[in-house]
Amino acid sequence: MSRYTIDRFEGVGWAVLEDEHGQAFTVPRGWLPSTAREGDALNGDATAQTTAATLVRFELDPTAREEQLAKARARRDALPRGPKGDISL
């Protein structure tokens, strides 16, 4: 099983996913759960159905989404802050 993040939606029918290594690729939006939104974490499971085709199933992972958001908040909070108060230019 692999983990993906929904980077963005393009047009009406496409979603750009990013894998754990930062590689982005586009899939039809219809392949994703109907409640999927940008930033959601997905678990993808590929199983071979025949020698000519592979079935891929994506499921939302709300726990992984919250973990990713917590990491992003921690990185944001670690950024240096500018001076407080009025600034004269």
PDB file of N, CA and C in Angstrom:
ATOM      1  N   MET A   1       0.846  -1.173   0.000  1.00  0.00           N
ATOM      2  CA  MET A   1       0.000   0.000   0.000  1.00  0.00           C
ATOM      3  C   MET A   1       0.895   1.241   0.000  1.00  0.00           C
ATOM      4  N   SER A   2       0.519   2.220  -0.781  1.00  0.00           N
ATOM      5  CA  SER A   2       1.284   3.460  -0.889  1.00  0.00           C
ATOM      6  C   SER A   2       0.442   4.623  -0.402  1.00  0.00           C
ATOM      7  N   ARG A   3       1.120   5.684   0.015  1.00  0.00           N
ATOM      8  CA  ARG A   3       0.420   6.880   0.490  1.00  0.00           C
ATOM      9  C   ARG A   3       0.626   8.008  -0.506  1.00  0.00           C
ATOM     10  N   TYR A   4      -0.447   8.740  -0.757  1.00  0.00           N
ATOM     11  CA  TYR A   4      -0.431   9.871  -1.680  1.00  0.00           C
ATOM     12  C   TYR A   4      -1.114  11.058  -1.017  1.00  0.00           C
ATOM     13  N   THR A   5      -0.803  12.244  -1.504  1.00  0.00           N
ATOM     14  CA  THR A   5      -1.465  13.462  -1.054  1.00  0.00           C
ATOM     15  C   THR A   5      -2.078  14.137  -2.267  1.00  0.00           C
ATOM     16  N   ILE A   6      -3.294  14.641  -2.111  1.00  0.00           N
ATOM     17  CA  ILE A   6      -3.928  15.381  -3.204  1.00  0.00           C
ATOM     18  C   ILE A   6      -3.323  16.777  -3.204  1.00  0.00           C
ATOM     19  N   ASP A   7      -2.530  17.058  -4.222  1.00  0.00           N
ATOM     20  CA  ASP A   7      -1.875  18.352  -4.334  1.00  0.00           C
ATOM     21  C   ASP A   7      -2.860  19.419  -4.790  1.00  0.00           C
ATOM     22  N   ARG A   8      -3.624  19.092  -5.826  1.00  0.00           N
ATOM     23  CA  ARG A   8      -4.590  20.067  -6.357  1.00  0.00           C
ATOM     24  C   ARG A   8      -5.517  19.376  -7.343  1.00  0.00           C
ATOM     25  N   PHE A   9      -6.595  20.074  -7.671  1.00  0.00           N
ATOM     26  CA  PHE A   9      -7.510  19.629  -8.716  1.00  0.00           C
ATOM     27  C   PHE A   9      -7.310  20.546  -9.910  1.00  0.00           C
ATOM     28  N   GLU A  10      -7.313  19.974 -11.096  1.00  0.00           N
ATOM     29  CA  GLU A  10      -7.162  20.748 -12.320  1.00  0.00           C
ATOM     30  C   GLU A  10      -8.375  20.530 -13.193  1.00  0.00           C
ATOM     31  N   GLY A  11      -8.962  21.639 -13.613  1.00  0.00           N
ATOM     32  CA  GLY A  11     -10.155  21.535 -14.437  1.00  0.00           C
ATOM     33  C   GLY A  11     -11.268  20.834 -13.687  1.00  0.00           C
ATOM     34  N   VAL A  12     -12.162  20.258 -14.427  1.00  0.00           N
ATOM     35  CA  VAL A  12     -13.312  19.593 -13.820  1.00  0.00           C
ATOM     36  C   VAL A  12     -12.991  18.156 -13.442  1.00  0.00           C
ATOM     37  N   GLY A  13     -12.163  17.490 -14.230  1.00  0.00           N
ATOM     38  CA  GLY A  13     -12.052  16.062 -14.048  1.00  0.00           C
ATOM     39  C   GLY A  13     -10.706  15.486 -13.673  1.00  0.00           C
ATOM     40  N   TRP A  14      -9.758  16.310 -13.190  1.00  0.00           N
ATOM     41  CA  TRP A  14      -8.423  15.780 -12.920  1.00  0.00           C
ATOM     42  C   TRP A  14      -7.946  16.135 -11.528  1.00  0.00           C
ATOM     43  N   ALA A  15      -7.160  15.235 -10.945  1.00  0.00           N
ATOM     44  CA  ALA A  15      -6.534  15.468  -9.646  1.00  0.00           C
ATOM     45  C   ALA A  15      -5.043  15.204  -9.782  1.00  0.00           C
ATOM     46  N   VAL A  16      -4.240  16.064  -9.193  1.00  0.00           N
ATOM     47  CA  VAL A  16      -2.790  15.876  -9.177  1.00  0.00           C
ATOM     48  C   VAL A  16      -2.429  15.313  -7.812  1.00  0.00           C
ATOM     49  N   LEU A  17      -1.860  14.108  -7.818  1.00  0.00           N
ATOM     50  CA  LEU A  17      -1.442  13.444  -6.592  1.00  0.00           C
ATOM     51  C   LEU A  17       0.070  13.514  -6.474  1.00  0.00           C
ATOM     52  N   GLU A  18       0.559  13.508  -5.242  1.00  0.00           N
ATOM     53  CA  GLU A  18       1.987  13.469  -4.990  1.00  0.00           C
ATOM     54  C   GLU A  18       2.270  12.258  -4.128  1.00  0.00           C
ATOM     55  N   ASP A  19       3.281  11.487  -4.525  1.00  0.00           N
ATOM     56  CA  ASP A  19       3.612  10.294  -3.751  1.00  0.00           C
ATOM     57  C   ASP A  19       4.584  10.640  -2.621  1.00  0.00           C
ATOM     58  N   GLU A  20       5.007   9.628  -1.891  1.00  0.00           N
ATOM     59  CA  GLU A  20       5.879   9.827  -0.730  1.00  0.00           C
ATOM     60  C   GLU A  20       7.251  10.364  -1.097  1.00  0.00           C
ATOM     61  N   HIS A  21       7.626  10.279  -2.376  1.00  0.00           N
ATOM     62  CA  HIS A  21       8.933  10.737  -2.834  1.00  0.00           C
ATOM     63  C   HIS A  21       8.860  12.091  -3.528  1.00  0.00           C
ATOM     64  N   GLY A  22       7.700  12.719  -3.511  1.00  0.00           N
ATOM     65  CA  GLY A  22       7.535  14.024  -4.135  1.00  0.00           C
ATOM     66  C   GLY A  22       7.220  13.980  -5.615  1.00  0.00           C
ATOM     67  N   GLN A  23       7.032  12.803  -6.179  1.00  0.00           N
ATOM     68  CA  GLN A  23       6.672  12.668  -7.600  1.00  0.00           C
ATOM     69  C   GLN A  23       5.186  12.976  -7.760  1.00  0.00           C
ATOM     70  N   ALA A  24       4.859  13.831  -8.710  1.00  0.00           N
ATOM     71  CA  ALA A  24       3.470  14.191  -8.970  1.00  0.00           C
ATOM     72  C   ALA A  24       2.982  13.505 -10.234  1.00  0.00           C
ATOM     73  N   PHE A  25       1.712  13.140 -10.230  1.00  0.00           N
ATOM     74  CA  PHE A  25       1.083  12.565 -11.409  1.00  0.00           C
ATOM     75  C   PHE A  25      -0.405  12.871 -11.365  1.00  0.00           C
ATOM     76  N   THR A  26      -1.031  12.794 -12.518  1.00  0.00           N
ATOM     77  CA  THR A  26      -2.436  13.168 -12.666  1.00  0.00           C
ATOM     78  C   THR A  26      -3.294  11.922 -12.838  1.00  0.00           C
ATOM     79  N   VAL A  27      -4.440  11.928 -12.150  1.00  0.00           N
ATOM     80  CA  VAL A  27      -5.409  10.839 -12.277  1.00  0.00           C
ATOM     81  C   VAL A  27      -6.791  11.450 -12.478  1.00  0.00           C
ATOM     82  N   PRO A  28      -7.704  10.706 -13.074  1.00  0.00           N
ATOM     83  CA  PRO A  28      -9.072  11.201 -13.190  1.00  0.00           C
ATOM     84  C   PRO A  28      -9.675  11.407 -11.791  1.00  0.00           C
ATOM     85  N   ARG A  29     -10.378  12.502 -11.614  1.00  0.00           N
ATOM     86  CA  ARG A  29     -10.977  12.807 -10.310  1.00  0.00           C
ATOM     87  C   ARG A  29     -11.965  11.733  -9.882  1.00  0.00           C
ATOM     88  N   GLY A  30     -12.583  11.088 -10.835  1.00  0.00           N
ATOM     89  CA  GLY A  30     -13.540  10.032 -10.544  1.00  0.00           C
ATOM     90  C   GLY A  30     -12.933   8.817  -9.870  1.00  0.00           C
ATOM     91  N   TRP A  31     -11.613   8.686  -9.907  1.00  0.00           N
ATOM     92  CA  TRP A  31     -10.943   7.569  -9.240  1.00  0.00           C
ATOM     93  C   TRP A  31     -10.865   7.770  -7.735  1.00  0.00           C
ATOM     94  N   LEU A  32     -11.082   9.007  -7.275  1.00  0.00           N
ATOM     95  CA  LEU A  32     -10.947   9.333  -5.860  1.00  0.00           C
ATOM     96  C   LEU A  32     -12.306   9.299  -5.171  1.00  0.00           C
ATOM     97  N   PRO A  33     -12.316   9.152  -3.849  1.00  0.00           N
ATOM     98  CA  PRO A  33     -13.582   9.221  -3.124  1.00  0.00           C
ATOM     99  C   PRO A  33     -14.261  10.565  -3.385  1.00  0.00           C
ATOM    100  N   SER A  34     -15.570  10.577  -3.418  1.00  0.00           N
ATOM    101  CA  SER A  34     -16.311  11.800  -3.760  1.00  0.00           C
ATOM    102  C   SER A  34     -16.092  12.927  -2.761  1.00  0.00           C
ATOM    103  N   THR A  35     -15.720  12.620  -1.528  1.00  0.00           N
ATOM    104  CA  THR A  35     -15.508  13.650  -0.513  1.00  0.00           C
ATOM    105  C   THR A  35     -14.063  14.143  -0.451  1.00  0.00           C
ATOM    106  N   ALA A  36     -13.201  13.658  -1.349  1.00  0.00           N
ATOM    107  CA  ALA A  36     -11.782  14.031  -1.329  1.00  0.00           C
ATOM    108  C   ALA A  36     -11.619  15.519  -1.614  1.00  0.00           C
ATOM    109  N   ARG A  37     -10.632  16.128  -0.922  1.00  0.00           N
ATOM    110  CA  ARG A  37     -10.341  17.554  -1.128  1.00  0.00           C
ATOM    111  C   ARG A  37      -8.832  17.750  -1.125  1.00  0.00           C
ATOM    112  N   GLU A  38      -8.395  18.921  -1.574  1.00  0.00           N
ATOM    113  CA  GLU A  38      -6.965  19.213  -1.631  1.00  0.00           C
ATOM    114  C   GLU A  38      -6.354  19.056  -0.246  1.00  0.00           C
ATOM    115  N   GLY A  39      -5.184  18.432  -0.202  1.00  0.00           N
ATOM    116  CA  GLY A  39      -4.489  18.220   1.054  1.00  0.00           C
ATOM    117  C   GLY A  39      -4.809  16.902   1.724  1.00  0.00           C
ATOM    118  N   ASP A  40      -5.827  16.201   1.239  1.00  0.00           N
ATOM    119  CA  ASP A  40      -6.179  14.910   1.835  1.00  0.00           C
ATOM    120  C   ASP A  40      -5.089  13.886   1.581  1.00  0.00           C
ATOM    121  N   ALA A  41      -4.921  12.993   2.538  1.00  0.00           N
ATOM    122  CA  ALA A  41      -3.997  11.875   2.385  1.00  0.00           C
ATOM    123  C   ALA A  41      -4.803  10.675   1.906  1.00  0.00           C
ATOM    124  N   LEU A  42      -4.216   9.939   0.980  1.00  0.00           N
ATOM    125  CA  LEU A  42      -4.869   8.766   0.420  1.00  0.00           C
ATOM    126  C   LEU A  42      -3.965   7.556   0.563  1.00  0.00           C
ATOM    127  N   ASN A  43      -4.572   6.432   0.823  1.00  0.00           N
ATOM    128  CA  ASN A  43      -3.860   5.165   0.741  1.00  0.00           C
ATOM    129  C   ASN A  43      -4.263   4.543  -0.583  1.00  0.00           C
ATOM    130  N   GLY A  44      -3.279   4.143  -1.352  1.00  0.00           N
ATOM    131  CA  GLY A  44      -3.539   3.525  -2.650  1.00  0.00           C
ATOM    132  C   GLY A  44      -3.084   2.090  -2.641  1.00  0.00           C
ATOM    133  N   ASP A  45      -3.940   1.232  -3.118  1.00  0.00           N
ATOM    134  CA  ASP A  45      -3.630  -0.188  -3.161  1.00  0.00           C
ATOM    135  C   ASP A  45      -3.829  -0.670  -4.591  1.00  0.00           C
ATOM    136  N   ALA A  46      -2.769  -1.173  -5.191  1.00  0.00           N
ATOM    137  CA  ALA A  46      -2.842  -1.677  -6.562  1.00  0.00           C
ATOM    138  C   ALA A  46      -2.802  -3.192  -6.541  1.00  0.00           C
ATOM    139  N   THR A  47      -3.740  -3.778  -7.223  1.00  0.00           N
ATOM    140  CA  THR A  47      -3.774  -5.238  -7.331  1.00  0.00           C
ATOM    141  C   THR A  47      -3.953  -5.602  -8.793  1.00  0.00           C
ATOM    142  N   ALA A  48      -3.195  -6.549  -9.259  1.00  0.00           N
ATOM    143  CA  ALA A  48      -3.280  -6.980 -10.654  1.00  0.00           C
ATOM    144  C   ALA A  48      -4.547  -7.799 -10.852  1.00  0.00           C
ATOM    145  N   GLN A  49      -5.344  -7.394 -11.800  1.00  0.00           N
ATOM    146  CA  GLN A  49      -6.558  -8.125 -12.142  1.00  0.00           C
ATOM    147  C   GLN A  49      -6.300  -9.108 -13.278  1.00  0.00           C
ATOM    148  N   THR A  50      -5.552  -8.638 -14.263  1.00  0.00           N
ATOM    149  CA  THR A  50      -5.164  -9.476 -15.402  1.00  0.00           C
ATOM    150  C   THR A  50      -3.747  -9.081 -15.774  1.00  0.00           C
ATOM    151  N   THR A  51      -3.201  -9.712 -16.753  1.00  0.00           N
ATOM    152  CA  THR A  51      -1.858  -9.339 -17.188  1.00  0.00           C
ATOM    153  C   THR A  51      -1.858  -8.001 -17.919  1.00  0.00           C
ATOM    154  N   ALA A  52      -3.025  -7.540 -18.380  1.00  0.00           N
ATOM    155  CA  ALA A  52      -3.090  -6.307 -19.160  1.00  0.00           C
ATOM    156  C   ALA A  52      -3.583  -5.106 -18.360  1.00  0.00           C
ATOM    157  N   ALA A  53      -4.114  -5.320 -17.161  1.00  0.00           N
ATOM    158  CA  ALA A  53      -4.695  -4.202 -16.416  1.00  0.00           C
ATOM    159  C   ALA A  53      -4.413  -4.352 -14.928  1.00  0.00           C
ATOM    160  N   THR A  54      -4.361  -3.206 -14.268  1.00  0.00           N
ATOM    161  CA  THR A  54      -4.169  -3.174 -12.821  1.00  0.00           C
ATOM    162  C   THR A  54      -5.270  -2.333 -12.207  1.00  0.00           C
ATOM    163  N   LEU A  55      -5.865  -2.819 -11.165  1.00  0.00           N
ATOM    164  CA  LEU A  55      -6.906  -2.103 -10.436  1.00  0.00           C
ATOM    165  C   LEU A  55      -6.250  -1.319  -9.310  1.00  0.00           C
ATOM    166  N   VAL A  56      -6.555  -0.025  -9.218  1.00  0.00           N
ATOM    167  CA  VAL A  56      -6.028   0.814  -8.146  1.00  0.00           C
ATOM    168  C   VAL A  56      -7.205   1.330  -7.337  1.00  0.00           C
ATOM    169  N   ARG A  57      -7.093   1.205  -6.022  1.00  0.00           N
ATOM    170  CA  ARG A  57      -8.158   1.661  -5.134  1.00  0.00           C
ATOM    171  C   ARG A  57      -7.576   2.703  -4.186  1.00  0.00           C
ATOM    172  N   PHE A  58      -8.214   3.877  -4.110  1.00  0.00           N
ATOM    173  CA  PHE A  58      -7.775   4.950  -3.224  1.00  0.00           C
ATOM    174  C   PHE A  58      -8.776   5.099  -2.088  1.00  0.00           C
ATOM    175  N   GLU A  59      -8.259   5.197  -0.858  1.00  0.00           N
ATOM    176  CA  GLU A  59      -9.098   5.430   0.322  1.00  0.00           C
ATOM    177  C   GLU A  59      -8.541   6.618   1.087  1.00  0.00           C
ATOM    178  N   LEU A  60      -9.438   7.454   1.624  1.00  0.00           N
ATOM    179  CA  LEU A  60      -9.015   8.584   2.441  1.00  0.00           C
ATOM    180  C   LEU A  60      -8.407   8.082   3.743  1.00  0.00           C
ATOM    181  N   ASP A  61      -7.401   8.796   4.225  1.00  0.00           N
ATOM    182  CA  ASP A  61      -6.758   8.482   5.496  1.00  0.00           C
ATOM    183  C   ASP A  61      -6.777   9.743   6.357  1.00  0.00           C
ATOM    184  N   PRO A  62      -7.867   9.960   7.120  1.00  0.00           N
ATOM    185  CA  PRO A  62      -7.994  11.201   7.896  1.00  0.00           C
ATOM    186  C   PRO A  62      -6.904  11.358   8.957  1.00  0.00           C
ATOM    187  N   THR A  63      -6.420  10.263   9.520  1.00  0.00           N
ATOM    188  CA  THR A  63      -5.357  10.348  10.520  1.00  0.00           C
ATOM    189  C   THR A  63      -4.078  10.886   9.901  1.00  0.00           C
ATOM    190  N   ALA A  64      -3.733  10.405   8.717  1.00  0.00           N
ATOM    191  CA  ALA A  64      -2.530  10.883   8.036  1.00  0.00           C
ATOM    192  C   ALA A  64      -2.662  12.352   7.658  1.00  0.00           C
ATOM    193  N   ARG A  65      -3.868  12.784   7.282  1.00  0.00           N
ATOM    194  CA  ARG A  65      -4.081  14.208   6.964  1.00  0.00           C
ATOM    195  C   ARG A  65      -3.780  15.068   8.180  1.00  0.00           C
ATOM    196  N   GLU A  66      -4.284  14.674   9.337  1.00  0.00           N
ATOM    197  CA  GLU A  66      -4.046  15.444  10.552  1.00  0.00           C
ATOM    198  C   GLU A  66      -2.567  15.458  10.921  1.00  0.00           C
ATOM    199  N   GLU A  67      -1.876  14.341  10.716  1.00  0.00           N
ATOM    200  CA  GLU A  67      -0.439  14.290  10.979  1.00  0.00           C
ATOM    201  C   GLU A  67       0.308  15.251  10.059  1.00  0.00           C
ATOM    202  N   GLN A  68      -0.069  15.283   8.776  1.00  0.00           N
ATOM    203  CA  GLN A  68       0.579  16.184   7.822  1.00  0.00           C
ATOM    204  C   GLN A  68       0.321  17.644   8.203  1.00  0.00           C
ATOM    205  N   LEU A  69      -0.903  17.961   8.620  1.00  0.00           N
ATOM    206  CA  LEU A  69      -1.221  19.328   9.027  1.00  0.00           C
ATOM    207  C   LEU A  69      -0.433  19.729  10.268  1.00  0.00           C
ATOM    208  N   ALA A  70      -0.291  18.813  11.228  1.00  0.00           N
ATOM    209  CA  ALA A  70       0.477  19.107  12.443  1.00  0.00           C
ATOM    210  C   ALA A  70       1.943  19.378  12.101  1.00  0.00           C
ATOM    211  N   LYS A  71       2.522  18.598  11.187  1.00  0.00           N
ATOM    212  CA  LYS A  71       3.907  18.821  10.770  1.00  0.00           C
ATOM    213  C   LYS A  71       4.051  20.174  10.076  1.00  0.00           C
ATOM    214  N   ALA A  72       3.088  20.525   9.236  1.00  0.00           N
ATOM    215  CA  ALA A  72       3.143  21.810   8.527  1.00  0.00           C
ATOM    216  C   ALA A  72       3.028  22.969   9.521  1.00  0.00           C
ATOM    217  N   ARG A  73       2.157  22.844  10.516  1.00  0.00           N
ATOM    218  CA  ARG A  73       2.038  23.892  11.537  1.00  0.00           C
ATOM    219  C   ARG A  73       3.345  24.044  12.322  1.00  0.00           C
ATOM    220  N   ALA A  74       3.969  22.918  12.663  1.00  0.00           N
ATOM    221  CA  ALA A  74       5.234  22.964  13.406  1.00  0.00           C
ATOM    222  C   ALA A  74       6.321  23.647  12.584  1.00  0.00           C
ATOM    223  N   ARG A  75       6.392  23.355  11.281  1.00  0.00           N
ATOM    224  CA  ARG A  75       7.379  24.010  10.414  1.00  0.00           C
ATOM    225  C   ARG A  75       7.097  25.508  10.320  1.00  0.00           C
ATOM    226  N   ARG A  76       5.817  25.859  10.190  1.00  0.00           N
ATOM    227  CA  ARG A  76       5.444  27.276  10.104  1.00  0.00           C
ATOM    228  C   ARG A  76       5.802  28.001  11.399  1.00  0.00           C
ATOM    229  N   ASP A  77       5.510  27.385  12.546  1.00  0.00           N
ATOM    230  CA  ASP A  77       5.786  28.019  13.826  1.00  0.00           C
ATOM    231  C   ASP A  77       7.284  28.151  14.091  1.00  0.00           C
ATOM    232  N   ALA A  78       8.104  27.305  13.456  1.00  0.00           N
ATOM    233  CA  ALA A  78       9.553  27.351  13.649  1.00  0.00           C
ATOM    234  C   ALA A  78      10.220  28.433  12.800  1.00  0.00           C
ATOM    235  N   LEU A  79       9.489  29.020  11.861  1.00  0.00           N
ATOM    236  CA  LEU A  79      10.069  30.073  11.027  1.00  0.00           C
ATOM    237  C   LEU A  79      10.380  31.288  11.874  1.00  0.00           C
ATOM    238  N   PRO A  80      11.490  31.995  11.572  1.00  0.00           N
ATOM    239  CA  PRO A  80      11.812  33.197  12.341  1.00  0.00           C
ATOM    240  C   PRO A  80      10.750  34.274  12.110  1.00  0.00           C
ATOM    241  N   ARG A  81      10.478  34.991  13.153  1.00  0.00           N
ATOM    242  CA  ARG A  81       9.481  36.062  13.094  1.00  0.00           C
ATOM    243  C   ARG A  81      10.205  37.404  12.924  1.00  0.00           C
ATOM    244  N   GLY A  82       9.535  38.316  12.269  1.00  0.00           N
ATOM    245  CA  GLY A  82      10.079  39.662  12.123  1.00  0.00           C
ATOM    246  C   GLY A  82       9.841  40.461  13.390  1.00  0.00           C
ATOM    247  N   PRO A  83      10.290  41.689  13.394  1.00  0.00           N
ATOM    248  CA  PRO A  83      10.086  42.534  14.582  1.00  0.00           C
ATOM    249  C   PRO A  83       8.600  42.825  14.779  1.00  0.00           C
ATOM    250  N   LYS A  84       8.236  42.976  16.037  1.00  0.00           N
ATOM    251  CA  LYS A  84       6.833  43.300  16.355  1.00  0.00           C
ATOM    252  C   LYS A  84       6.683  44.812  16.461  1.00  0.00           C
ATOM    253  N   GLY A  85       5.480  45.254  16.249  1.00  0.00           N
ATOM    254  CA  GLY A  85       5.197  46.684  16.403  1.00  0.00           C
ATOM    255  C   GLY A  85       5.281  47.434  15.087  1.00  0.00           C
ATOM    256  N   ASP A  86       5.245  48.754  15.200  1.00  0.00           N
ATOM    257  CA  ASP A  86       5.287  49.601  14.015  1.00  0.00           C
ATOM    258  C   ASP A  86       6.679  49.573  13.390  1.00  0.00           C
ATOM    259  N   ILE A  87       6.706  49.620  12.082  1.00  0.00           N
ATOM    260  CA  ILE A  87       7.960  49.624  11.346  1.00  0.00           C
ATOM    261  C   ILE A  87       7.974  50.877  10.471  1.00  0.00           C
ATOM    262  N   SER A  88       9.045  51.652  10.564  1.00  0.00           N
ATOM    263  CA  SER A  88       9.199  52.846   9.727  1.00  0.00           C
ATOM    264  C   SER A  88      10.090  52.480   8.552  1.00  0.00           C
ATOM    265  N   LEU A  89       9.639  52.835   7.385  1.00  0.00           N
ATOM    266  CA  LEU A  89      10.448  52.581   6.192  1.00  0.00           C
ATOM    267  C   LEU A  89      11.035  53.866   5.677  1.00  0.00           C
TER     268      LEU A  89
END
